[in-house]
Amino acid sequence: MKLFNNKRKHSCLHKAAVLNKSIFSILAILLCISFIGCNKANENNNKKPENINTATVSPASVADQDTTIGKYATSNEVQVTEKAPEVKDVDYSDCFNGIEGCAVFFNSNTNTYMMYNKKLCEKRTSPCSTFKIIATIMGLDKGIITSVDTTMGYDGTIYSTEKWNKNLSLKDAFKESCVWYFRKVIDKVGQSNVQSYLDKLKYGNCDISEWDGSGINSLPELNGFWLESSLEISPKEQVNILASLFSGKTDCSEQNINILKEVMLTQKIGSVSVYGKTGTGQNYKTKHRDNGWFVGMFENSDESYYFAVHLNDDSKEVSGPMAKEIALDIINQYYTESN
């Protein structure tokens, strides 16, 4: 009986132990399941749903996005509608009379270049006295020149050009192409300001490194970077700058542009008003005048043309007045209302 009771006792204990072990295992499994579930829940809470912006969007940020889109649209529209200029090859040889040179005429209304000897139209050389156009507008803009009557103080030096030997006004100095007058203007504007102007205008190579010139003349006031020195520009670039100045695409005031036009007025051919400036350069090694300019603009009815005629001939003596004569002949033959 005792043995039976002991066996029974051991059997019950064994069953209890098994039960306890099973319960413990079940609890452990449940605990693991609970732990895994909590981790997944935390991961889901921390993870932002894909393709959905959960950030708070303020009205200001929406407006900024709309503005940005608008800017891109505007930029694309400009790119699509902007028209590249047309370039036409023309023959003005009948006006050049065998002289080597080129001519550029630009119609701002139709955005068209007419070029005679296109390769030469894009070749840079010294601007010589045509640079007085830029010197004048710089002097006006800086208040150094205030009207067509502004003088620069003649110091009594006797020059070989007799008409320079007096206290010239802007109008007279421009007409007589007086170098010492514009040397004073440019020095008063200052080297850093001149450099800034040329950079903005994209004036040829913009090189004024030989500020005092290359010494081609015996007197220092008759030398400068624009006289057969470091500064160079092509006929086409001359035309582009004139178009920018006279069509209001620069910071120059309308009043100053009108003063510039007044001193540049050359002559009238019928109803056409011609504005311009000559320039003459010389190869000081050969003593040969091989650089002749006449650049400017003219107005014909409702149209404006900007032009540059340049002569560069090793076999003939050329000059600014010769280039001017050729330019006026071209205008008369090809651009007046009677033709």
C-alpha atoms as a PDB file:
ATOM      1  CA  MET A   1       0.000   0.000   0.000  1.00  0.00           C
ATOM      2  CA  LYS A   2       2.816   2.339   0.902  1.00  0.00           C
ATOM      3  CA  LEU A   3       4.608   1.421  -2.279  1.00  0.00           C
ATOM      4  CA  PHE A   4       1.506   2.147  -4.273  1.00  0.00           C
ATOM      5  CA  ASN A   5       1.086   5.470  -2.568  1.00  0.00           C
ATOM      6  CA  ASN A   6       4.701   6.326  -3.289  1.00  0.00           C
ATOM      7  CA  LYS A   7       4.320   5.435  -6.938  1.00  0.00           C
ATOM      8  CA  ARG A   8       1.152   7.409  -7.123  1.00  0.00           C
ATOM      9  CA  LYS A   9       2.888  10.326  -5.447  1.00  0.00           C
ATOM     10  CA  HIS A  10       5.777  10.185  -7.897  1.00  0.00           C
ATOM     11  CA  SER A  11       3.399   9.957 -10.817  1.00  0.00           C
ATOM     12  CA  CYS A  12       1.528  13.038  -9.695  1.00  0.00           C
ATOM     13  CA  LEU A  13       4.746  14.943  -9.189  1.00  0.00           C
ATOM     14  CA  HIS A  14       5.916  13.947 -12.625  1.00  0.00           C
ATOM     15  CA  LYS A  15       2.673  15.063 -14.193  1.00  0.00           C
ATOM     16  CA  ALA A  16       2.845  18.354 -12.333  1.00  0.00           C
ATOM     17  CA  ALA A  17       6.397  18.945 -13.514  1.00  0.00           C
ATOM     18  CA  VAL A  18       5.450  18.221 -17.107  1.00  0.00           C
ATOM     19  CA  LEU A  19       2.463  20.521 -16.794  1.00  0.00           C
ATOM     20  CA  ASN A  20       4.563  23.262 -15.284  1.00  0.00           C
ATOM     21  CA  LYS A  21       7.122  22.888 -18.065  1.00  0.00           C
ATOM     22  CA  SER A  22       4.400  23.062 -20.698  1.00  0.00           C
ATOM     23  CA  ILE A  23       2.884  26.133 -19.113  1.00  0.00           C
ATOM     24  CA  PHE A  24       6.318  27.749 -18.930  1.00  0.00           C
ATOM     25  CA  SER A  25       6.938  26.991 -22.607  1.00  0.00           C
ATOM     26  CA  ILE A  26       3.579  28.413 -23.610  1.00  0.00           C
ATOM     27  CA  LEU A  27       4.230  31.545 -21.583  1.00  0.00           C
ATOM     28  CA  ALA A  28       7.667  31.925 -23.177  1.00  0.00           C
ATOM     29  CA  ILE A  29       6.194  31.587 -26.667  1.00  0.00           C
ATOM     30  CA  LEU A  30       3.481  34.123 -25.881  1.00  0.00           C
ATOM     31  CA  LEU A  31       6.075  36.501 -24.507  1.00  0.00           C
ATOM     32  CA  CYS A  32       8.158  36.217 -27.664  1.00  0.00           C
ATOM     33  CA  ILE A  33       5.127  36.783 -29.861  1.00  0.00           C
ATOM     34  CA  SER A  34       4.216  39.853 -27.825  1.00  0.00           C
ATOM     35  CA  PHE A  35       7.772  41.218 -28.049  1.00  0.00           C
ATOM     36  CA  ILE A  36       7.918  40.744 -31.827  1.00  0.00           C
ATOM     37  CA  GLY A  37       4.530  42.385 -32.240  1.00  0.00           C
ATOM     38  CA  CYS A  38       5.632  45.425 -30.243  1.00  0.00           C
ATOM     39  CA  ASN A  39       8.770  45.816 -32.351  1.00  0.00           C
ATOM     40  CA  LYS A  40       6.768  45.682 -35.594  1.00  0.00           C
ATOM     41  CA  ALA A  41       4.328  48.217 -34.231  1.00  0.00           C
ATOM     42  CA  ASN A  42       7.191  50.559 -33.329  1.00  0.00           C
ATOM     43  CA  GLU A  43       8.752  50.096 -36.760  1.00  0.00           C
ATOM     44  CA  ASN A  44       5.460  50.927 -38.431  1.00  0.00           C
ATOM     45  CA  ASN A  45       5.045  54.009 -36.272  1.00  0.00           C
ATOM     46  CA  ASN A  46       8.564  55.257 -37.104  1.00  0.00           C
ATOM     47  CA  LYS A  47       8.421  54.459 -40.805  1.00  0.00           C
ATOM     48  CA  LYS A  48       6.907  57.123 -43.153  1.00  0.00           C
ATOM     49  CA  PRO A  49       4.489  55.687 -45.663  1.00  0.00           C
ATOM     50  CA  GLU A  50       5.827  55.687 -49.200  1.00  0.00           C
ATOM     51  CA  ASN A  51       4.480  58.205 -51.766  1.00  0.00           C
ATOM     52  CA  ILE A  52       2.725  60.231 -49.088  1.00  0.00           C
ATOM     53  CA  ASN A  53       4.118  63.500 -47.740  1.00  0.00           C
ATOM     54  CA  THR A  54       3.365  63.546 -44.043  1.00  0.00           C
ATOM     55  CA  ALA A  55       5.110  66.923 -43.483  1.00  0.00           C
ATOM     56  CA  THR A  56       2.976  69.944 -42.775  1.00  0.00           C
ATOM     57  CA  VAL A  57       2.813  72.154 -45.896  1.00  0.00           C
ATOM     58  CA  SER A  58       2.364  75.855 -45.215  1.00  0.00           C
ATOM     59  CA  PRO A  59       0.683  78.231 -47.696  1.00  0.00           C
ATOM     60  CA  ALA A  60       4.035  79.982 -48.132  1.00  0.00           C
ATOM     61  CA  SER A  61       5.755  76.803 -49.288  1.00  0.00           C
ATOM     62  CA  VAL A  62       2.972  76.130 -51.780  1.00  0.00           C
ATOM     63  CA  ALA A  63       3.285  79.640 -53.140  1.00  0.00           C
ATOM     64  CA  ASP A  64       7.049  79.210 -53.514  1.00  0.00           C
ATOM     65  CA  GLN A  65       6.529  76.020 -55.487  1.00  0.00           C
ATOM     66  CA  ASP A  66       4.076  77.743 -57.817  1.00  0.00           C
ATOM     67  CA  THR A  67       6.471  80.635 -58.333  1.00  0.00           C
ATOM     68  CA  THR A  68       9.319  78.292 -59.189  1.00  0.00           C
ATOM     69  CA  ILE A  69       7.208  76.515 -61.748  1.00  0.00           C
ATOM     70  CA  GLY A  70       6.238  79.861 -63.215  1.00  0.00           C
ATOM     71  CA  LYS A  71       9.890  80.834 -63.567  1.00  0.00           C
ATOM     72  CA  TYR A  72      10.714  77.672 -65.432  1.00  0.00           C
ATOM     73  CA  ALA A  73       7.777  78.214 -67.746  1.00  0.00           C
ATOM     74  CA  THR A  74       8.851  81.791 -68.445  1.00  0.00           C
ATOM     75  CA  SER A  75      12.430  80.697 -69.115  1.00  0.00           C
ATOM     76  CA  ASN A  76      11.287  78.041 -71.552  1.00  0.00           C
ATOM     77  CA  GLU A  77       8.993  80.497 -73.301  1.00  0.00           C
ATOM     78  CA  VAL A  78      11.873  82.971 -73.838  1.00  0.00           C
ATOM     79  CA  GLN A  79      14.067  80.234 -75.252  1.00  0.00           C
ATOM     80  CA  VAL A  80      11.362  79.201 -77.688  1.00  0.00           C
ATOM     81  CA  THR A  81      10.379  82.711 -78.842  1.00  0.00           C
ATOM     82  CA  GLU A  82      13.855  84.263 -79.043  1.00  0.00           C
ATOM     83  CA  LYS A  83      14.934  84.606 -82.650  1.00  0.00           C
ATOM     84  CA  ALA A  84      18.566  84.324 -83.699  1.00  0.00           C
ATOM     85  CA  PRO A  85      19.784  87.187 -85.900  1.00  0.00           C
ATOM     86  CA  GLU A  86      19.876  86.619 -89.640  1.00  0.00           C
ATOM     87  CA  VAL A  87      23.146  87.200 -91.501  1.00  0.00           C
ATOM     88  CA  LYS A  88      23.067  88.122 -95.186  1.00  0.00           C
ATOM     89  CA  ASP A  89      26.078  88.329 -97.471  1.00  0.00           C
ATOM     90  CA  VAL A  90      25.880  91.480 -99.586  1.00  0.00           C
ATOM     91  CA  ASP A  91      28.029  93.046-102.291  1.00  0.00           C
ATOM     92  CA  TYR A  92      29.028  96.674-101.741  1.00  0.00           C
ATOM     93  CA  SER A  93      32.156  96.384-103.922  1.00  0.00           C
ATOM     94  CA  ASP A  94      30.900  99.108-106.262  1.00  0.00           C
ATOM     95  CA  CYS A  95      31.240 101.567-103.360  1.00  0.00           C
ATOM     96  CA  PHE A  96      34.740 100.464-102.284  1.00  0.00           C
ATOM     97  CA  ASN A  97      36.397 101.219-105.661  1.00  0.00           C
ATOM     98  CA  GLY A  98      39.007  98.496-105.302  1.00  0.00           C
ATOM     99  CA  ILE A  99      39.975  99.388-101.703  1.00  0.00           C
ATOM    100  CA  GLU A 100      40.356  96.398 -99.369  1.00  0.00           C
ATOM    101  CA  GLY A 101      37.817  96.587 -96.565  1.00  0.00           C
ATOM    102  CA  CYS A 102      34.470  95.481 -95.173  1.00  0.00           C
ATOM    103  CA  ALA A 103      31.092  96.783 -94.066  1.00  0.00           C
ATOM    104  CA  VAL A 104      28.439  95.709 -91.557  1.00  0.00           C
ATOM    105  CA  PHE A 105      24.911  97.137 -91.550  1.00  0.00           C
ATOM    106  CA  PHE A 106      22.474  95.941 -88.865  1.00  0.00           C
ATOM    107  CA  ASN A 107      18.704  96.434 -89.027  1.00  0.00           C
ATOM    108  CA  SER A 108      17.457  96.333 -85.434  1.00  0.00           C
ATOM    109  CA  ASN A 109      13.809  96.024 -86.509  1.00  0.00           C
ATOM    110  CA  THR A 110      14.354  92.787 -88.431  1.00  0.00           C
ATOM    111  CA  ASN A 111      17.383  91.620 -86.405  1.00  0.00           C
ATOM    112  CA  THR A 112      19.376  91.237 -89.624  1.00  0.00           C
ATOM    113  CA  TYR A 113      23.063  91.776 -90.390  1.00  0.00           C
ATOM    114  CA  MET A 114      24.140  92.724 -93.924  1.00  0.00           C
ATOM    115  CA  MET A 115      27.843  91.923 -94.289  1.00  0.00           C
ATOM    116  CA  TYR A 116      30.291  92.688 -97.042  1.00  0.00           C
ATOM    117  CA  ASN A 117      33.512  90.628 -96.612  1.00  0.00           C
ATOM    118  CA  LYS A 118      32.208  88.738 -93.581  1.00  0.00           C
ATOM    119  CA  LYS A 119      35.619  87.434 -92.485  1.00  0.00           C
ATOM    120  CA  LEU A 120      37.012  90.961 -92.207  1.00  0.00           C
ATOM    121  CA  CYS A 121      33.849  92.066 -90.367  1.00  0.00           C
ATOM    122  CA  GLU A 122      34.821  89.748 -87.513  1.00  0.00           C
ATOM    123  CA  LYS A 123      38.528  90.665 -87.408  1.00  0.00           C
ATOM    124  CA  ARG A 124      39.674  92.848 -84.505  1.00  0.00           C
ATOM    125  CA  THR A 125      41.935  95.868 -84.831  1.00  0.00           C
ATOM    126  CA  SER A 126      42.544  99.161 -83.022  1.00  0.00           C
ATOM    127  CA  PRO A 127      39.375 101.335 -82.823  1.00  0.00           C
ATOM    128  CA  CYS A 128      41.439 104.544 -83.020  1.00  0.00           C
ATOM    129  CA  SER A 129      39.276 107.672 -82.756  1.00  0.00           C
ATOM    130  CA  THR A 130      35.968 105.766 -83.034  1.00  0.00           C
ATOM    131  CA  PHE A 131      36.591 105.105 -79.315  1.00  0.00           C
ATOM    132  CA  LYS A 132      35.681 108.762 -78.701  1.00  0.00           C
ATOM    133  CA  ILE A 133      32.046 107.622 -78.849  1.00  0.00           C
ATOM    134  CA  ILE A 134      32.595 105.532 -75.727  1.00  0.00           C
ATOM    135  CA  ALA A 135      34.805 108.182 -74.099  1.00  0.00           C
ATOM    136  CA  THR A 136      31.983 110.712 -74.563  1.00  0.00           C
ATOM    137  CA  ILE A 137      29.292 108.521 -73.023  1.00  0.00           C
ATOM    138  CA  MET A 138      31.562 107.618 -70.087  1.00  0.00           C
ATOM    139  CA  GLY A 139      32.334 111.308 -69.495  1.00  0.00           C
ATOM    140  CA  LEU A 140      28.635 112.161 -69.597  1.00  0.00           C
ATOM    141  CA  ASP A 141      27.693 109.324 -67.270  1.00  0.00           C
ATOM    142  CA  LYS A 142      30.339 110.341 -64.702  1.00  0.00           C
ATOM    143  CA  GLY A 143      29.409 114.039 -64.847  1.00  0.00           C
ATOM    144  CA  ILE A 144      32.788 115.020 -66.296  1.00  0.00           C
ATOM    145  CA  ILE A 145      30.968 116.230 -69.415  1.00  0.00           C
ATOM    146  CA  THR A 146      27.621 117.933 -68.805  1.00  0.00           C
ATOM    147  CA  SER A 147      26.719 119.386 -72.206  1.00  0.00           C
ATOM    148  CA  VAL A 148      27.968 119.893 -75.755  1.00  0.00           C
ATOM    149  CA  ASP A 149      29.712 123.044 -74.469  1.00  0.00           C
ATOM    150  CA  THR A 150      31.883 121.358 -71.809  1.00  0.00           C
ATOM    151  CA  THR A 151      35.590 122.198 -72.108  1.00  0.00           C
ATOM    152  CA  MET A 152      38.636 120.357 -70.746  1.00  0.00           C
ATOM    153  CA  GLY A 153      41.065 123.235 -70.191  1.00  0.00           C
ATOM    154  CA  TYR A 154      43.555 123.895 -72.967  1.00  0.00           C
ATOM    155  CA  ASP A 155      47.066 124.230 -71.467  1.00  0.00           C
ATOM    156  CA  GLY A 156      48.703 126.221 -74.259  1.00  0.00           C
ATOM    157  CA  THR A 157      50.588 123.374 -75.944  1.00  0.00           C
ATOM    158  CA  ILE A 158      51.039 123.939 -79.664  1.00  0.00           C
ATOM    159  CA  TYR A 159      49.932 120.903 -81.664  1.00  0.00           C
ATOM    160  CA  SER A 160      50.506 120.179 -85.330  1.00  0.00           C
ATOM    161  CA  THR A 161      46.740 120.124 -85.845  1.00  0.00           C
ATOM    162  CA  GLU A 162      46.020 123.836 -85.603  1.00  0.00           C
ATOM    163  CA  LYS A 163      42.346 123.444 -84.669  1.00  0.00           C
ATOM    164  CA  TRP A 164      43.381 121.697 -81.418  1.00  0.00           C
ATOM    165  CA  ASN A 165      45.213 124.775 -80.155  1.00  0.00           C
ATOM    166  CA  LYS A 166      42.367 126.301 -78.162  1.00  0.00           C
ATOM    167  CA  ASN A 167      39.892 125.530 -75.386  1.00  0.00           C
ATOM    168  CA  LEU A 168      37.537 123.294 -77.383  1.00  0.00           C
ATOM    169  CA  SER A 169      33.966 122.398 -76.427  1.00  0.00           C
ATOM    170  CA  LEU A 170      32.795 118.778 -76.579  1.00  0.00           C
ATOM    171  CA  LYS A 171      31.057 119.451 -79.883  1.00  0.00           C
ATOM    172  CA  ASP A 172      34.182 120.943 -81.462  1.00  0.00           C
ATOM    173  CA  ALA A 173      36.541 118.375 -79.925  1.00  0.00           C
ATOM    174  CA  PHE A 174      34.411 115.512 -81.278  1.00  0.00           C
ATOM    175  CA  LYS A 175      34.178 117.107 -84.724  1.00  0.00           C
ATOM    176  CA  GLU A 176      37.937 117.785 -84.896  1.00  0.00           C
ATOM    177  CA  SER A 177      38.770 114.424 -83.250  1.00  0.00           C
ATOM    178  CA  CYS A 178      40.965 116.184 -80.672  1.00  0.00           C
ATOM    179  CA  VAL A 179      43.053 113.524 -78.900  1.00  0.00           C
ATOM    180  CA  TRP A 180      44.238 115.618 -75.920  1.00  0.00           C
ATOM    181  CA  TYR A 181      40.628 116.548 -75.031  1.00  0.00           C
ATOM    182  CA  PHE A 182      39.504 112.914 -74.793  1.00  0.00           C
ATOM    183  CA  ARG A 183      42.738 111.845 -73.089  1.00  0.00           C
ATOM    184  CA  LYS A 184      41.755 114.205 -70.262  1.00  0.00           C
ATOM    185  CA  VAL A 185      38.192 112.834 -70.189  1.00  0.00           C
ATOM    186  CA  ILE A 186      39.385 109.238 -69.982  1.00  0.00           C
ATOM    187  CA  ASP A 187      41.950 110.013 -67.264  1.00  0.00           C
ATOM    188  CA  LYS A 188      39.223 111.675 -65.180  1.00  0.00           C
ATOM    189  CA  VAL A 189      36.910 108.673 -65.615  1.00  0.00           C
ATOM    190  CA  GLY A 190      39.730 106.500 -64.256  1.00  0.00           C
ATOM    191  CA  GLN A 191      41.187 103.149 -65.238  1.00  0.00           C
ATOM    192  CA  SER A 192      38.954 100.955 -63.054  1.00  0.00           C
ATOM    193  CA  ASN A 193      35.780 102.676 -64.264  1.00  0.00           C
ATOM    194  CA  VAL A 194      36.860 102.459 -67.898  1.00  0.00           C
ATOM    195  CA  GLN A 195      37.550  98.745 -67.463  1.00  0.00           C
ATOM    196  CA  SER A 196      34.119  98.240 -65.921  1.00  0.00           C
ATOM    197  CA  TYR A 197      32.393 100.080 -68.787  1.00  0.00           C
ATOM    198  CA  LEU A 198      34.205  98.077 -71.457  1.00  0.00           C
ATOM    199  CA  ASP A 199      33.467  94.780 -69.706  1.00  0.00           C
ATOM    200  CA  LYS A 200      29.750  95.590 -69.530  1.00  0.00           C
ATOM    201  CA  LEU A 201      29.652  96.682 -73.164  1.00  0.00           C
ATOM    202  CA  LYS A 202      31.764  93.683 -74.250  1.00  0.00           C
ATOM    203  CA  TYR A 203      33.953  96.105 -76.147  1.00  0.00           C
ATOM    204  CA  GLY A 204      36.191  93.864 -78.246  1.00  0.00           C
ATOM    205  CA  ASN A 205      39.056  92.398 -76.239  1.00  0.00           C
ATOM    206  CA  CYS A 206      38.453  94.916 -73.374  1.00  0.00           C
ATOM    207  CA  ASP A 207      42.236  95.238 -73.023  1.00  0.00           C
ATOM    208  CA  ILE A 208      43.365  98.571 -71.554  1.00  0.00           C
ATOM    209  CA  SER A 209      46.630  97.187 -70.159  1.00  0.00           C
ATOM    210  CA  GLU A 210      48.595  99.788 -72.152  1.00  0.00           C
ATOM    211  CA  TRP A 211      46.727 102.604 -70.400  1.00  0.00           C
ATOM    212  CA  ASP A 212      49.209 105.263 -71.501  1.00  0.00           C
ATOM    213  CA  GLY A 213      49.413 103.870 -75.018  1.00  0.00           C
ATOM    214  CA  SER A 214      52.259 102.407 -76.999  1.00  0.00           C
ATOM    215  CA  GLY A 215      54.138 105.659 -77.485  1.00  0.00           C
ATOM    216  CA  ILE A 216      53.288 106.125 -81.139  1.00  0.00           C
ATOM    217  CA  ASN A 217      53.170 109.910 -80.659  1.00  0.00           C
ATOM    218  CA  SER A 218      55.860 112.080 -79.103  1.00  0.00           C
ATOM    219  CA  LEU A 219      53.503 113.815 -76.648  1.00  0.00           C
ATOM    220  CA  PRO A 220      51.985 111.665 -73.855  1.00  0.00           C
ATOM    221  CA  GLU A 221      48.555 113.315 -74.127  1.00  0.00           C
ATOM    222  CA  LEU A 222      48.349 112.111 -77.728  1.00  0.00           C
ATOM    223  CA  ASN A 223      48.717 108.432 -76.780  1.00  0.00           C
ATOM    224  CA  GLY A 224      46.262 105.932 -75.356  1.00  0.00           C
ATOM    225  CA  PHE A 225      45.260 102.277 -75.206  1.00  0.00           C
ATOM    226  CA  TRP A 226      42.716 102.898 -78.005  1.00  0.00           C
ATOM    227  CA  LEU A 227      45.313 104.259 -80.469  1.00  0.00           C
ATOM    228  CA  GLU A 228      47.152 101.396 -82.185  1.00  0.00           C
ATOM    229  CA  SER A 229      47.727  99.839 -78.766  1.00  0.00           C
ATOM    230  CA  SER A 230      46.234  97.107 -76.545  1.00  0.00           C
ATOM    231  CA  LEU A 231      42.499  97.679 -77.194  1.00  0.00           C
ATOM    232  CA  GLU A 232      41.033  96.017 -80.292  1.00  0.00           C
ATOM    233  CA  ILE A 233      37.524  95.503 -81.666  1.00  0.00           C
ATOM    234  CA  SER A 234      35.881  94.091 -84.806  1.00  0.00           C
ATOM    235  CA  PRO A 235      33.436  95.955 -87.070  1.00  0.00           C
ATOM    236  CA  LYS A 236      30.626  93.592 -86.040  1.00  0.00           C
ATOM    237  CA  GLU A 237      31.337  94.245 -82.358  1.00  0.00           C
ATOM    238  CA  GLN A 238      31.302  97.990 -83.028  1.00  0.00           C
ATOM    239  CA  VAL A 239      27.822  97.607 -84.517  1.00  0.00           C
ATOM    240  CA  ASN A 240      26.554  95.542 -81.587  1.00  0.00           C
ATOM    241  CA  ILE A 241      27.694  98.171 -79.081  1.00  0.00           C
ATOM    242  CA  LEU A 242      26.112 101.019 -81.039  1.00  0.00           C
ATOM    243  CA  ALA A 243      22.849  99.068 -81.209  1.00  0.00           C
ATOM    244  CA  SER A 244      22.920  98.525 -77.438  1.00  0.00           C
ATOM    245  CA  LEU A 245      23.630 102.202 -76.721  1.00  0.00           C
ATOM    246  CA  PHE A 246      21.054 103.752 -79.018  1.00  0.00           C
ATOM    247  CA  SER A 247      18.259 101.227 -78.435  1.00  0.00           C
ATOM    248  CA  GLY A 248      18.291 101.751 -74.660  1.00  0.00           C
ATOM    249  CA  LYS A 249      19.848  98.431 -73.660  1.00  0.00           C
ATOM    250  CA  THR A 250      22.472 100.036 -71.395  1.00  0.00           C
ATOM    251  CA  ASP A 251      22.284 102.078 -68.182  1.00  0.00           C
ATOM    252  CA  CYS A 252      22.983 105.323 -70.068  1.00  0.00           C
ATOM    253  CA  SER A 253      20.296 107.962 -69.614  1.00  0.00           C
ATOM    254  CA  GLU A 254      18.209 109.179 -72.521  1.00  0.00           C
ATOM    255  CA  GLN A 255      19.519 112.701 -71.941  1.00  0.00           C
ATOM    256  CA  ASN A 256      23.135 111.583 -72.317  1.00  0.00           C
ATOM    257  CA  ILE A 257      22.340 109.527 -75.411  1.00  0.00           C
ATOM    258  CA  ASN A 258      20.722 112.603 -76.975  1.00  0.00           C
ATOM    259  CA  ILE A 259      23.870 114.659 -76.281  1.00  0.00           C
ATOM    260  CA  LEU A 260      25.958 111.911 -77.867  1.00  0.00           C
ATOM    261  CA  LYS A 261      23.691 111.904 -80.923  1.00  0.00           C
ATOM    262  CA  GLU A 262      23.979 115.674 -81.207  1.00  0.00           C
ATOM    263  CA  VAL A 263      27.785 115.584 -81.453  1.00  0.00           C
ATOM    264  CA  MET A 264      27.707 112.522 -83.739  1.00  0.00           C
ATOM    265  CA  LEU A 265      25.312 114.050 -86.275  1.00  0.00           C
ATOM    266  CA  THR A 266      27.215 113.963 -89.548  1.00  0.00           C
ATOM    267  CA  GLN A 267      24.753 114.942 -92.229  1.00  0.00           C
ATOM    268  CA  LYS A 268      21.309 114.367 -93.652  1.00  0.00           C
ATOM    269  CA  ILE A 269      20.653 112.563 -96.914  1.00  0.00           C
ATOM    270  CA  GLY A 270      17.072 113.421 -97.793  1.00  0.00           C
ATOM    271  CA  SER A 271      14.999 112.245 -94.827  1.00  0.00           C
ATOM    272  CA  VAL A 272      17.861 110.105 -93.470  1.00  0.00           C
ATOM    273  CA  SER A 273      19.878 111.438 -90.501  1.00  0.00           C
ATOM    274  CA  VAL A 274      23.380 109.967 -90.302  1.00  0.00           C
ATOM    275  CA  TYR A 275      25.389 109.870 -87.043  1.00  0.00           C
ATOM    276  CA  GLY A 276      28.990 108.693 -86.955  1.00  0.00           C
ATOM    277  CA  LYS A 277      32.652 108.954 -86.020  1.00  0.00           C
ATOM    278  CA  THR A 278      35.776 108.464 -88.098  1.00  0.00           C
ATOM    279  CA  GLY A 279      39.032 106.872 -87.008  1.00  0.00           C
ATOM    280  CA  THR A 280      42.439 106.647 -88.670  1.00  0.00           C
ATOM    281  CA  GLY A 281      45.396 104.492 -87.674  1.00  0.00           C
ATOM    282  CA  GLN A 282      48.905 104.052 -88.963  1.00  0.00           C
ATOM    283  CA  ASN A 283      51.414 101.229 -88.959  1.00  0.00           C
ATOM    284  CA  TYR A 284      54.251 103.071 -87.285  1.00  0.00           C
ATOM    285  CA  LYS A 285      56.831 100.529 -88.389  1.00  0.00           C
ATOM    286  CA  THR A 286      56.106 101.076 -92.082  1.00  0.00           C
ATOM    287  CA  LYS A 287      54.645 104.605 -91.687  1.00  0.00           C
ATOM    288  CA  HIS A 288      51.708 103.359 -93.741  1.00  0.00           C
ATOM    289  CA  ARG A 289      48.141 104.440 -92.950  1.00  0.00           C
ATOM    290  CA  ASP A 290      46.318 101.121 -93.117  1.00  0.00           C
ATOM    291  CA  ASN A 291      43.464 101.501 -90.632  1.00  0.00           C
ATOM    292  CA  GLY A 292      40.383 103.547 -91.592  1.00  0.00           C
ATOM    293  CA  TRP A 293      37.035 103.555 -89.750  1.00  0.00           C
ATOM    294  CA  PHE A 294      33.623 105.124 -89.967  1.00  0.00           C
ATOM    295  CA  VAL A 295      31.021 103.788 -87.523  1.00  0.00           C
ATOM    296  CA  GLY A 296      27.599 105.020 -86.503  1.00  0.00           C
ATOM    297  CA  MET A 297      23.885 104.792 -87.112  1.00  0.00           C
ATOM    298  CA  PHE A 298      21.172 106.262 -89.300  1.00  0.00           C
ATOM    299  CA  GLU A 299      17.427 106.507 -89.106  1.00  0.00           C
ATOM    300  CA  ASN A 300      15.268 105.845 -92.137  1.00  0.00           C
ATOM    301  CA  SER A 301      11.515 106.331 -91.609  1.00  0.00           C
ATOM    302  CA  ASP A 302      10.643 103.950 -88.760  1.00  0.00           C
ATOM    303  CA  GLU A 303      13.822 101.893 -89.040  1.00  0.00           C
ATOM    304  CA  SER A 304      17.236 102.251 -87.414  1.00  0.00           C
ATOM    305  CA  TYR A 305      20.446 100.887 -88.882  1.00  0.00           C
ATOM    306  CA  TYR A 306      23.810 100.574 -87.157  1.00  0.00           C
ATOM    307  CA  PHE A 307      26.907 100.324 -89.304  1.00  0.00           C
ATOM    308  CA  ALA A 308      30.672 100.022 -89.393  1.00  0.00           C
ATOM    309  CA  VAL A 309      32.876 100.464 -92.439  1.00  0.00           C
ATOM    310  CA  HIS A 310      36.502  99.463 -91.999  1.00  0.00           C
ATOM    311  CA  LEU A 311      39.366  99.835 -94.472  1.00  0.00           C
ATOM    312  CA  ASN A 312      42.543  97.800 -94.146  1.00  0.00           C
ATOM    313  CA  ASP A 313      44.688  97.948 -97.239  1.00  0.00           C
ATOM    314  CA  ASP A 314      48.442  97.296 -97.403  1.00  0.00           C
ATOM    315  CA  SER A 315      48.735  98.676-100.927  1.00  0.00           C
ATOM    316  CA  LYS A 316      46.872 101.967-100.477  1.00  0.00           C
ATOM    317  CA  GLU A 317      46.790 104.780 -97.956  1.00  0.00           C
ATOM    318  CA  VAL A 318      43.427 104.678 -96.183  1.00  0.00           C
ATOM    319  CA  SER A 319      41.766 106.931 -93.624  1.00  0.00           C
ATOM    320  CA  GLY A 320      38.627 107.611 -91.627  1.00  0.00           C
ATOM    321  CA  PRO A 321      37.364 110.212 -94.123  1.00  0.00           C
ATOM    322  CA  MET A 322      37.721 107.609 -96.910  1.00  0.00           C
ATOM    323  CA  ALA A 323      35.689 105.102 -94.881  1.00  0.00           C
ATOM    324  CA  LYS A 324      33.099 107.806 -94.228  1.00  0.00           C
ATOM    325  CA  GLU A 325      32.761 108.549 -97.947  1.00  0.00           C
ATOM    326  CA  ILE A 326      32.231 104.849 -98.696  1.00  0.00           C
ATOM    327  CA  ALA A 327      29.656 104.483 -95.905  1.00  0.00           C
ATOM    328  CA  LEU A 328      27.644 107.486 -97.123  1.00  0.00           C
ATOM    329  CA  ASP A 329      27.746 106.099-100.656  1.00  0.00           C
ATOM    330  CA  ILE A 330      26.372 102.738 -99.434  1.00  0.00           C
ATOM    331  CA  ILE A 331      23.613 104.473 -97.464  1.00  0.00           C
ATOM    332  CA  ASN A 332      22.692 106.647-100.421  1.00  0.00           C
ATOM    333  CA  GLN A 333      22.620 103.758-102.895  1.00  0.00           C
ATOM    334  CA  TYR A 334      21.066 100.999-100.791  1.00  0.00           C
ATOM    335  CA  TYR A 335      19.170 102.506 -97.878  1.00  0.00           C
ATOM    336  CA  THR A 336      17.527 105.805 -98.838  1.00  0.00           C
ATOM    337  CA  GLU A 337      13.818 105.817 -99.626  1.00  0.00           C
ATOM    338  CA  SER A 338      14.445 106.700-103.269  1.00  0.00           C
ATOM    339  CA  ASN A 339      16.284 103.396-103.864  1.00  0.00           C
END
